[in-house]
């Protein structure tokens, strides 16, 4: 069956996109609230864009017609965040952090997560194996929706020692040890499962 997108509502498009463009990596974004607590939320409209500059993009909408999601509000104000790549064992914490809480109410305590020092202005989640300190590079409104593409420049990255090794001049991350959590459609998540290694042609 063919679906003509100009004949579908935004909600219908959303469900088709999120069930066909899968699996999607999860950006688990922590920002600082204006009461000095921390906001944490997952986003799966997320992708790397470039290595030089080192850019990512995360699409973030609004809570209501006039109120930005806490992550976007904080990101615009503070100009930085820590973006984590969650592993499969964090699935419940990731899902819990998607709850719509009042501004300033931190998801960290509800998800029973702890913090470790990272950069001068922001900590990182201790339980996450990968954390990227990013600054807001640019932001673009997307059409008539509340979504905005937030372009983030990676300034530094933490990688747990137990998931990485050195191979010649390259850092190699063990995918099975990282076991990155990914989003599918609806309420479904995916784990890494079987991996296939094929050498690229010259």
C-alpha atoms as a PDB file:
ATOM      1  CA  UNK A   1       0.000   0.000   0.000  1.00  0.00           C
ATOM      2  CA  UNK A   2       1.224   3.472  -0.851  1.00  0.00           C
ATOM      3  CA  UNK A   3       0.649   6.379   1.546  1.00  0.00           C
ATOM      4  CA  UNK A   4       0.651   9.910   0.134  1.00  0.00           C
ATOM      5  CA  UNK A   5       2.090  12.137   2.848  1.00  0.00           C
ATOM      6  CA  UNK A   6       0.357  15.310   1.666  1.00  0.00           C
ATOM      7  CA  UNK A   7      -2.943  13.547   2.392  1.00  0.00           C
ATOM      8  CA  UNK A   8      -2.053  12.517   5.951  1.00  0.00           C
ATOM      9  CA  UNK A   9      -2.238  14.354   9.252  1.00  0.00           C
ATOM     10  CA  UNK A  10       0.927  15.082  11.213  1.00  0.00           C
ATOM     11  CA  UNK A  11       0.011  12.358  13.680  1.00  0.00           C
ATOM     12  CA  UNK A  12      -0.476   9.788  10.912  1.00  0.00           C
ATOM     13  CA  UNK A  13       2.891  10.739   9.389  1.00  0.00           C
ATOM     14  CA  UNK A  14       4.551  10.442  12.788  1.00  0.00           C
ATOM     15  CA  UNK A  15       3.328   6.882  13.305  1.00  0.00           C
ATOM     16  CA  UNK A  16       4.417   5.804   9.819  1.00  0.00           C
ATOM     17  CA  UNK A  17       7.847   7.419  10.181  1.00  0.00           C
ATOM     18  CA  UNK A  18       8.566   5.990  13.630  1.00  0.00           C
ATOM     19  CA  UNK A  19       7.514   2.482  12.604  1.00  0.00           C
ATOM     20  CA  UNK A  20       9.461   2.380   9.335  1.00  0.00           C
ATOM     21  CA  UNK A  21      12.661   4.329  10.057  1.00  0.00           C
ATOM     22  CA  UNK A  22      13.983   1.921  12.677  1.00  0.00           C
ATOM     23  CA  UNK A  23      15.878   1.273  14.795  1.00  0.00           C
ATOM     24  CA  UNK A  24      16.632   4.847  15.847  1.00  0.00           C
ATOM     25  CA  UNK A  25      19.389   5.685  18.334  1.00  0.00           C
ATOM     26  CA  UNK A  26      18.314   7.464  21.486  1.00  0.00           C
ATOM     27  CA  UNK A  27      19.758  10.788  22.586  1.00  0.00           C
ATOM     28  CA  UNK A  28      19.341  10.855  26.367  1.00  0.00           C
ATOM     29  CA  UNK A  29      19.806  14.553  26.981  1.00  0.00           C
ATOM     30  CA  UNK A  30      20.567  16.164  30.327  1.00  0.00           C
ATOM     31  CA  UNK A  31      20.325  19.932  30.744  1.00  0.00           C
ATOM     32  CA  UNK A  32      20.445  22.282  33.719  1.00  0.00           C
ATOM     33  CA  UNK A  33      17.183  23.751  35.004  1.00  0.00           C
ATOM     34  CA  UNK A  34      17.122  27.336  36.208  1.00  0.00           C
ATOM     35  CA  UNK A  35      16.752  26.067  39.810  1.00  0.00           C
ATOM     36  CA  UNK A  36      20.114  24.237  39.429  1.00  0.00           C
ATOM     37  CA  UNK A  37      18.473  20.787  39.238  1.00  0.00           C
ATOM     38  CA  UNK A  38      18.856  18.694  36.079  1.00  0.00           C
ATOM     39  CA  UNK A  39      16.362  17.716  33.411  1.00  0.00           C
ATOM     40  CA  UNK A  40      16.712  14.406  31.601  1.00  0.00           C
ATOM     41  CA  UNK A  41      14.731  13.290  28.548  1.00  0.00           C
ATOM     42  CA  UNK A  42      15.084  10.801  25.647  1.00  0.00           C
ATOM     43  CA  UNK A  43      14.750  11.766  21.969  1.00  0.00           C
ATOM     44  CA  UNK A  44      14.819   9.444  18.960  1.00  0.00           C
ATOM     45  CA  UNK A  45      14.585  12.039  16.207  1.00  0.00           C
ATOM     46  CA  UNK A  46      18.360  12.110  16.509  1.00  0.00           C
ATOM     47  CA  UNK A  47      21.348  11.573  14.202  1.00  0.00           C
ATOM     48  CA  UNK A  48      25.025  12.427  13.681  1.00  0.00           C
ATOM     49  CA  UNK A  49      25.574  14.900  10.853  1.00  0.00           C
ATOM     50  CA  UNK A  50      29.257  15.664  10.514  1.00  0.00           C
ATOM     51  CA  UNK A  51      32.697  14.901  11.941  1.00  0.00           C
ATOM     52  CA  UNK A  52      34.326  18.240  11.115  1.00  0.00           C
ATOM     53  CA  UNK A  53      32.686  20.084  12.727  1.00  0.00           C
ATOM     54  CA  UNK A  54      31.496  17.303  15.022  1.00  0.00           C
ATOM     55  CA  UNK A  55      27.744  17.872  14.788  1.00  0.00           C
ATOM     56  CA  UNK A  56      24.600  16.035  15.883  1.00  0.00           C
ATOM     57  CA  UNK A  57      20.967  16.983  15.428  1.00  0.00           C
ATOM     58  CA  UNK A  58      18.110  16.375  17.849  1.00  0.00           C
ATOM     59  CA  UNK A  59      14.556  17.432  16.954  1.00  0.00           C
ATOM     60  CA  UNK A  60      12.683  18.750  19.993  1.00  0.00           C
ATOM     61  CA  UNK A  61       9.073  19.922  20.158  1.00  0.00           C
ATOM     62  CA  UNK A  62       6.933  21.763  22.682  1.00  0.00           C
ATOM     63  CA  UNK A  63       4.876  20.688  25.683  1.00  0.00           C
ATOM     64  CA  UNK A  64       2.015  22.911  24.549  1.00  0.00           C
ATOM     65  CA  UNK A  65       1.428  25.417  21.760  1.00  0.00           C
ATOM     66  CA  UNK A  66       3.245  28.085  23.748  1.00  0.00           C
ATOM     67  CA  UNK A  67       5.552  26.164  26.108  1.00  0.00           C
ATOM     68  CA  UNK A  68       8.792  24.565  24.952  1.00  0.00           C
ATOM     69  CA  UNK A  69       9.811  21.172  26.267  1.00  0.00           C
ATOM     70  CA  UNK A  70      12.123  21.573  29.241  1.00  0.00           C
ATOM     71  CA  UNK A  71      15.128  20.282  27.291  1.00  0.00           C
ATOM     72  CA  UNK A  72      14.691  22.855  24.549  1.00  0.00           C
ATOM     73  CA  UNK A  73      14.037  25.675  27.013  1.00  0.00           C
ATOM     74  CA  UNK A  74      17.185  24.812  28.966  1.00  0.00           C
ATOM     75  CA  UNK A  75      19.287  24.244  25.869  1.00  0.00           C
ATOM     76  CA  UNK A  76      18.421  27.649  24.436  1.00  0.00           C
ATOM     77  CA  UNK A  77      19.165  29.303  27.780  1.00  0.00           C
ATOM     78  CA  UNK A  78      22.301  27.414  28.810  1.00  0.00           C
ATOM     79  CA  UNK A  79      23.675  26.658  25.299  1.00  0.00           C
ATOM     80  CA  UNK A  80      24.956  23.233  26.388  1.00  0.00           C
ATOM     81  CA  UNK A  81      23.945  19.724  27.394  1.00  0.00           C
ATOM     82  CA  UNK A  82      25.295  16.261  28.105  1.00  0.00           C
ATOM     83  CA  UNK A  83      23.952  13.723  25.617  1.00  0.00           C
ATOM     84  CA  UNK A  84      24.139  10.100  26.771  1.00  0.00           C
ATOM     85  CA  UNK A  85      23.866   6.924  24.698  1.00  0.00           C
ATOM     86  CA  UNK A  86      21.830   4.583  26.936  1.00  0.00           C
ATOM     87  CA  UNK A  87      22.500   0.858  27.140  1.00  0.00           C
ATOM     88  CA  UNK A  88      19.861  -1.849  27.289  1.00  0.00           C
ATOM     89  CA  UNK A  89      20.056  -2.202  31.060  1.00  0.00           C
ATOM     90  CA  UNK A  90      18.819   1.401  31.350  1.00  0.00           C
ATOM     91  CA  UNK A  91      15.595   0.793  29.413  1.00  0.00           C
ATOM     92  CA  UNK A  92      13.291   1.441  32.380  1.00  0.00           C
ATOM     93  CA  UNK A  93      15.152   4.578  33.419  1.00  0.00           C
ATOM     94  CA  UNK A  94      15.018   5.871  29.833  1.00  0.00           C
ATOM     95  CA  UNK A  95      11.304   5.150  29.578  1.00  0.00           C
ATOM     96  CA  UNK A  96      10.600   6.715  32.983  1.00  0.00           C
ATOM     97  CA  UNK A  97      12.497   9.860  31.997  1.00  0.00           C
ATOM     98  CA  UNK A  98      10.028  10.441  29.145  1.00  0.00           C
ATOM     99  CA  UNK A  99       7.320  11.348  31.675  1.00  0.00           C
ATOM    100  CA  UNK A 100       5.912  14.873  31.423  1.00  0.00           C
ATOM    101  CA  UNK A 101       6.928  16.455  34.726  1.00  0.00           C
ATOM    102  CA  UNK A 102       6.571  20.021  35.955  1.00  0.00           C
ATOM    103  CA  UNK A 103       9.509  22.240  35.102  1.00  0.00           C
ATOM    104  CA  UNK A 104      12.275  21.947  37.690  1.00  0.00           C
ATOM    105  CA  UNK A 105      11.199  18.498  38.851  1.00  0.00           C
ATOM    106  CA  UNK A 106      14.139  16.256  38.051  1.00  0.00           C
ATOM    107  CA  UNK A 107      13.723  12.862  36.385  1.00  0.00           C
ATOM    108  CA  UNK A 108      17.025  11.686  37.884  1.00  0.00           C
ATOM    109  CA  UNK A 109      15.709  10.869  41.349  1.00  0.00           C
ATOM    110  CA  UNK A 110      12.582   9.170  40.006  1.00  0.00           C
ATOM    111  CA  UNK A 111      14.740   6.979  37.740  1.00  0.00           C
ATOM    112  CA  UNK A 112      17.194   6.301  40.616  1.00  0.00           C
ATOM    113  CA  UNK A 113      20.183   7.545  38.640  1.00  0.00           C
ATOM    114  CA  UNK A 114      23.384   8.972  40.050  1.00  0.00           C
ATOM    115  CA  UNK A 115      25.744  11.676  38.784  1.00  0.00           C
ATOM    116  CA  UNK A 116      29.502  11.885  38.348  1.00  0.00           C
ATOM    117  CA  UNK A 117      31.661  14.954  37.637  1.00  0.00           C
ATOM    118  CA  UNK A 118      32.227  15.541  33.919  1.00  0.00           C
ATOM    119  CA  UNK A 119      32.809  19.158  32.880  1.00  0.00           C
ATOM    120  CA  UNK A 120      32.889  22.324  34.972  1.00  0.00           C
ATOM    121  CA  UNK A 121      29.257  23.184  34.257  1.00  0.00           C
ATOM    122  CA  UNK A 122      27.555  19.793  33.987  1.00  0.00           C
ATOM    123  CA  UNK A 123      27.903  16.295  35.452  1.00  0.00           C
ATOM    124  CA  UNK A 124      27.126  13.061  33.616  1.00  0.00           C
ATOM    125  CA  UNK A 125      24.945  10.072  34.445  1.00  0.00           C
ATOM    126  CA  UNK A 126      27.124   7.487  36.169  1.00  0.00           C
ATOM    127  CA  UNK A 127      25.152   4.525  34.790  1.00  0.00           C
ATOM    128  CA  UNK A 128      25.550   5.561  31.113  1.00  0.00           C
ATOM    129  CA  UNK A 129      28.612   4.175  29.340  1.00  0.00           C
ATOM    130  CA  UNK A 130      28.844   7.026  26.809  1.00  0.00           C
ATOM    131  CA  UNK A 131      28.355  10.736  27.492  1.00  0.00           C
ATOM    132  CA  UNK A 132      28.969  13.618  25.091  1.00  0.00           C
ATOM    133  CA  UNK A 133      29.370  17.204  26.254  1.00  0.00           C
ATOM    134  CA  UNK A 134      27.749  19.351  23.568  1.00  0.00           C
ATOM    135  CA  UNK A 135      27.086  23.016  22.979  1.00  0.00           C
ATOM    136  CA  UNK A 136      24.220  24.434  20.964  1.00  0.00           C
ATOM    137  CA  UNK A 137      25.586  25.181  17.497  1.00  0.00           C
ATOM    138  CA  UNK A 138      22.382  26.320  15.770  1.00  0.00           C
ATOM    139  CA  UNK A 139      18.631  25.846  15.888  1.00  0.00           C
ATOM    140  CA  UNK A 140      16.097  25.786  13.055  1.00  0.00           C
ATOM    141  CA  UNK A 141      12.307  25.711  13.233  1.00  0.00           C
ATOM    142  CA  UNK A 142      10.838  22.906  11.137  1.00  0.00           C
ATOM    143  CA  UNK A 143       7.804  23.941   9.118  1.00  0.00           C
ATOM    144  CA  UNK A 144       4.598  24.787  10.951  1.00  0.00           C
ATOM    145  CA  UNK A 145       5.105  22.264  13.747  1.00  0.00           C
ATOM    146  CA  UNK A 146       6.599  22.999  17.163  1.00  0.00           C
ATOM    147  CA  UNK A 147       9.626  20.873  16.297  1.00  0.00           C
ATOM    148  CA  UNK A 148      12.989  22.574  16.110  1.00  0.00           C
ATOM    149  CA  UNK A 149      16.185  20.989  14.861  1.00  0.00           C
ATOM    150  CA  UNK A 150      18.788  21.575  17.553  1.00  0.00           C
ATOM    151  CA  UNK A 151      22.278  21.233  16.101  1.00  0.00           C
ATOM    152  CA  UNK A 152      24.790  20.241  18.760  1.00  0.00           C
ATOM    153  CA  UNK A 153      28.565  20.411  18.519  1.00  0.00           C
ATOM    154  CA  UNK A 154      30.431  17.691  20.428  1.00  0.00           C
ATOM    155  CA  UNK A 155      33.122  19.200  22.639  1.00  0.00           C
ATOM    156  CA  UNK A 156      34.241  16.068  24.501  1.00  0.00           C
ATOM    157  CA  UNK A 157      33.141  12.498  25.062  1.00  0.00           C
ATOM    158  CA  UNK A 158      33.377  10.084  27.986  1.00  0.00           C
ATOM    159  CA  UNK A 159      33.555   6.371  27.134  1.00  0.00           C
ATOM    160  CA  UNK A 160      33.730   3.751  29.889  1.00  0.00           C
ATOM    161  CA  UNK A 161      37.094   1.986  29.804  1.00  0.00           C
ATOM    162  CA  UNK A 162      35.513  -1.470  29.945  1.00  0.00           C
ATOM    163  CA  UNK A 163      33.763  -1.095  26.570  1.00  0.00           C
ATOM    164  CA  UNK A 164      36.748   0.220  24.576  1.00  0.00           C
ATOM    165  CA  UNK A 165      40.123  -0.907  23.308  1.00  0.00           C
ATOM    166  CA  UNK A 166      42.907   0.455  21.110  1.00  0.00           C
ATOM    167  CA  UNK A 167      43.543  -0.904  17.595  1.00  0.00           C
ATOM    168  CA  UNK A 168      46.507   0.797  15.931  1.00  0.00           C
ATOM    169  CA  UNK A 169      45.516   4.499  15.870  1.00  0.00           C
ATOM    170  CA  UNK A 170      41.793   3.898  16.405  1.00  0.00           C
ATOM    171  CA  UNK A 171      39.586   3.517  19.459  1.00  0.00           C
ATOM    172  CA  UNK A 172      37.318   0.474  19.100  1.00  0.00           C
ATOM    173  CA  UNK A 173      34.075   0.250  21.080  1.00  0.00           C
ATOM    174  CA  UNK A 174      32.666  -3.198  21.843  1.00  0.00           C
ATOM    175  CA  UNK A 175      29.086  -2.982  20.581  1.00  0.00           C
ATOM    176  CA  UNK A 176      27.971  -5.934  22.673  1.00  0.00           C
ATOM    177  CA  UNK A 177      29.270  -4.336  25.871  1.00  0.00           C
ATOM    178  CA  UNK A 178      27.726  -0.976  24.995  1.00  0.00           C
ATOM    179  CA  UNK A 179      24.481  -2.731  23.975  1.00  0.00           C
ATOM    180  CA  UNK A 180      22.896   0.535  22.796  1.00  0.00           C
ATOM    181  CA  UNK A 181      19.172   0.929  23.285  1.00  0.00           C
ATOM    182  CA  UNK A 182      17.172   1.942  20.212  1.00  0.00           C
ATOM    183  CA  UNK A 183      13.588   2.998  19.491  1.00  0.00           C
ATOM    184  CA  UNK A 184      11.137   1.248  17.257  1.00  0.00           C
ATOM    185  CA  UNK A 185       7.505   2.237  16.690  1.00  0.00           C
ATOM    186  CA  UNK A 186       4.848   2.542  19.379  1.00  0.00           C
ATOM    187  CA  UNK A 187       6.060   1.371  22.786  1.00  0.00           C
ATOM    188  CA  UNK A 188       8.771  -0.886  21.368  1.00  0.00           C
ATOM    189  CA  UNK A 189      12.507  -0.703  21.953  1.00  0.00           C
ATOM    190  CA  UNK A 190      15.312  -2.709  20.360  1.00  0.00           C
ATOM    191  CA  UNK A 191      18.624  -4.084  21.607  1.00  0.00           C
ATOM    192  CA  UNK A 192      21.627  -4.847  19.487  1.00  0.00           C
ATOM    193  CA  UNK A 193      21.051  -8.597  18.986  1.00  0.00           C
ATOM    194  CA  UNK A 194      23.166 -10.268  16.299  1.00  0.00           C
ATOM    195  CA  UNK A 195      25.900  -8.245  14.614  1.00  0.00           C
ATOM    196  CA  UNK A 196      27.356  -8.951  11.176  1.00  0.00           C
ATOM    197  CA  UNK A 197      30.891  -7.831  10.256  1.00  0.00           C
ATOM    198  CA  UNK A 198      31.704  -7.335   6.581  1.00  0.00           C
ATOM    199  CA  UNK A 199      34.838  -5.583   5.333  1.00  0.00           C
ATOM    200  CA  UNK A 200      34.046  -2.617   3.083  1.00  0.00           C
ATOM    201  CA  UNK A 201      35.281  -2.802  -0.521  1.00  0.00           C
ATOM    202  CA  UNK A 202      38.182  -0.580  -1.585  1.00  0.00           C
END
